[in-house]
Amino acid sequence: MYRAGRFAKACFLAQQAAEKALKALLIKRGGVYERTHSVVTLLERAEAYVDVPAELLT
């Protein structure tokens, strides 16, 4: 999609993939996650289980 010039769609799908992966991690490790669509919030919660690079939280 990115190569086809569909940047908005590519960004949306990348965000969705990151969100789903983080929620899966939180379910696997902790059983629950906050109801949010914020990747940053999910990354902050994931810090309890994995090392999250600081540059991802800015």
N, C-alpha and C. Protein backbone atom coordinates (compact mmCIF):
# COMPACT_ATOMS: atom_id res chain seq x y z
N MET A 1 0.82 -1.19 0.00
CA MET A 1 0.00 0.00 0.00
C MET A 1 0.86 1.25 0.00
N TYR A 2 1.92 1.22 0.77
CA TYR A 2 2.80 2.39 0.83
C TYR A 2 3.36 2.71 -0.54
N ARG A 3 3.84 1.68 -1.23
CA ARG A 3 4.43 1.89 -2.56
C ARG A 3 3.40 2.36 -3.57
N ALA A 4 2.14 2.04 -3.33
CA ALA A 4 1.07 2.47 -4.23
C ALA A 4 0.60 3.88 -3.91
N GLY A 5 1.21 4.52 -2.91
CA GLY A 5 0.84 5.89 -2.57
C GLY A 5 -0.33 5.99 -1.61
N ARG A 6 -0.74 4.89 -1.04
CA ARG A 6 -1.86 4.90 -0.10
C ARG A 6 -1.31 5.02 1.32
N PHE A 7 -0.72 6.19 1.58
CA PHE A 7 -0.02 6.41 2.84
C PHE A 7 -0.94 6.37 4.05
N ALA A 8 -2.09 6.98 3.96
CA ALA A 8 -3.01 7.01 5.10
C ALA A 8 -3.44 5.60 5.47
N LYS A 9 -3.75 4.80 4.49
CA LYS A 9 -4.18 3.41 4.75
C LYS A 9 -3.01 2.60 5.33
N ALA A 10 -1.81 2.80 4.79
CA ALA A 10 -0.64 2.09 5.29
C ALA A 10 -0.37 2.45 6.75
N CYS A 11 -0.48 3.73 7.09
CA CYS A 11 -0.27 4.17 8.47
C CYS A 11 -1.33 3.60 9.40
N PHE A 12 -2.58 3.62 8.95
CA PHE A 12 -3.67 3.08 9.75
C PHE A 12 -3.44 1.59 10.04
N LEU A 13 -3.11 0.83 9.01
CA LEU A 13 -2.91 -0.60 9.20
C LEU A 13 -1.68 -0.90 10.05
N ALA A 14 -0.64 -0.09 9.95
CA ALA A 14 0.54 -0.26 10.80
C ALA A 14 0.19 -0.02 12.26
N GLN A 15 -0.61 1.01 12.52
CA GLN A 15 -1.04 1.31 13.89
C GLN A 15 -1.89 0.16 14.43
N GLN A 16 -2.80 -0.35 13.61
CA GLN A 16 -3.66 -1.46 14.02
C GLN A 16 -2.83 -2.70 14.36
N ALA A 17 -1.84 -2.99 13.53
CA ALA A 17 -0.99 -4.16 13.76
C ALA A 17 -0.21 -4.01 15.07
N ALA A 18 0.34 -2.82 15.31
CA ALA A 18 1.08 -2.58 16.55
C ALA A 18 0.16 -2.71 17.76
N GLU A 19 -1.02 -2.13 17.65
CA GLU A 19 -1.99 -2.20 18.76
C GLU A 19 -2.36 -3.64 19.07
N LYS A 20 -2.66 -4.43 18.05
CA LYS A 20 -3.06 -5.82 18.27
C LYS A 20 -1.91 -6.64 18.86
N ALA A 21 -0.70 -6.40 18.39
CA ALA A 21 0.46 -7.13 18.91
C ALA A 21 0.69 -6.81 20.38
N LEU A 22 0.58 -5.54 20.74
CA LEU A 22 0.77 -5.15 22.13
C LEU A 22 -0.33 -5.71 23.02
N LYS A 23 -1.56 -5.69 22.55
CA LYS A 23 -2.65 -6.25 23.34
C LYS A 23 -2.47 -7.75 23.53
N ALA A 24 -1.99 -8.44 22.50
CA ALA A 24 -1.72 -9.88 22.62
C ALA A 24 -0.63 -10.13 23.67
N LEU A 25 0.42 -9.32 23.65
CA LEU A 25 1.48 -9.44 24.65
C LEU A 25 0.93 -9.24 26.05
N LEU A 26 0.13 -8.21 26.23
CA LEU A 26 -0.42 -7.92 27.55
C LEU A 26 -1.36 -9.02 28.03
N ILE A 27 -2.14 -9.59 27.13
CA ILE A 27 -3.02 -10.70 27.50
C ILE A 27 -2.18 -11.92 27.88
N LYS A 28 -1.18 -12.21 27.08
CA LYS A 28 -0.32 -13.38 27.33
C LYS A 28 0.43 -13.26 28.65
N ARG A 29 0.96 -12.08 28.92
CA ARG A 29 1.78 -11.89 30.12
C ARG A 29 0.97 -11.52 31.35
N GLY A 30 -0.07 -10.70 31.18
CA GLY A 30 -0.76 -10.20 32.35
C GLY A 30 -2.24 -10.54 32.42
N GLY A 31 -2.80 -10.98 31.32
CA GLY A 31 -4.20 -11.36 31.31
C GLY A 31 -5.17 -10.25 30.98
N VAL A 32 -4.76 -9.01 31.14
CA VAL A 32 -5.67 -7.88 30.88
C VAL A 32 -4.90 -6.73 30.24
N TYR A 33 -5.66 -5.83 29.65
CA TYR A 33 -5.09 -4.60 29.12
C TYR A 33 -6.14 -3.52 29.22
N GLU A 34 -5.67 -2.29 29.25
CA GLU A 34 -6.56 -1.14 29.31
C GLU A 34 -7.27 -0.98 27.97
N ARG A 35 -8.54 -0.64 28.00
CA ARG A 35 -9.28 -0.41 26.76
C ARG A 35 -8.85 0.92 26.17
N THR A 36 -7.96 0.84 25.21
CA THR A 36 -7.43 2.04 24.57
C THR A 36 -6.97 1.69 23.18
N HIS A 37 -6.83 2.69 22.35
CA HIS A 37 -6.27 2.52 21.02
C HIS A 37 -4.91 3.19 20.93
N SER A 38 -4.41 3.69 22.06
CA SER A 38 -3.13 4.40 22.10
C SER A 38 -1.97 3.40 22.18
N VAL A 39 -1.15 3.39 21.15
CA VAL A 39 0.01 2.51 21.15
C VAL A 39 0.98 2.91 22.26
N VAL A 40 1.12 4.20 22.52
CA VAL A 40 2.01 4.66 23.58
C VAL A 40 1.53 4.15 24.94
N THR A 41 0.25 4.25 25.21
CA THR A 41 -0.29 3.75 26.48
C THR A 41 -0.05 2.26 26.61
N LEU A 42 -0.27 1.52 25.54
CA LEU A 42 -0.05 0.07 25.58
C LEU A 42 1.43 -0.25 25.77
N LEU A 43 2.31 0.53 25.15
CA LEU A 43 3.75 0.34 25.35
C LEU A 43 4.13 0.60 26.81
N GLU A 44 3.55 1.62 27.41
CA GLU A 44 3.82 1.91 28.82
C GLU A 44 3.41 0.75 29.70
N ARG A 45 2.28 0.13 29.41
CA ARG A 45 1.83 -1.03 30.18
C ARG A 45 2.73 -2.24 29.93
N ALA A 46 3.22 -2.37 28.70
CA ALA A 46 4.07 -3.51 28.33
C ALA A 46 5.43 -3.45 29.02
N GLU A 47 5.83 -2.25 29.47
CA GLU A 47 7.11 -2.11 30.16
C GLU A 47 7.20 -3.00 31.40
N ALA A 48 6.08 -3.38 31.95
CA ALA A 48 6.09 -4.26 33.12
C ALA A 48 6.56 -5.67 32.76
N TYR A 49 6.53 -6.02 31.48
CA TYR A 49 6.84 -7.38 31.04
C TYR A 49 8.04 -7.49 30.12
N VAL A 50 8.33 -6.43 29.37
CA VAL A 50 9.44 -6.46 28.41
C VAL A 50 10.17 -5.12 28.44
N ASP A 51 11.39 -5.11 27.93
CA ASP A 51 12.13 -3.85 27.79
C ASP A 51 11.60 -3.09 26.58
N VAL A 52 11.17 -1.87 26.81
CA VAL A 52 10.65 -1.02 25.74
C VAL A 52 11.64 0.12 25.55
N PRO A 53 12.20 0.26 24.35
CA PRO A 53 13.14 1.36 24.11
C PRO A 53 12.49 2.72 24.36
N ALA A 54 13.21 3.60 25.02
CA ALA A 54 12.67 4.91 25.40
C ALA A 54 12.19 5.71 24.20
N GLU A 55 12.86 5.57 23.06
CA GLU A 55 12.46 6.35 21.88
C GLU A 55 11.08 5.96 21.36
N LEU A 56 10.58 4.80 21.74
CA LEU A 56 9.22 4.42 21.33
C LEU A 56 8.16 5.11 22.18
N LEU A 57 8.55 5.64 23.31
CA LEU A 57 7.59 6.26 24.22
C LEU A 57 7.50 7.77 24.06
N THR A 58 8.19 8.32 23.10
CA THR A 58 8.15 9.78 22.91
C THR A 58 7.29 10.16 21.73
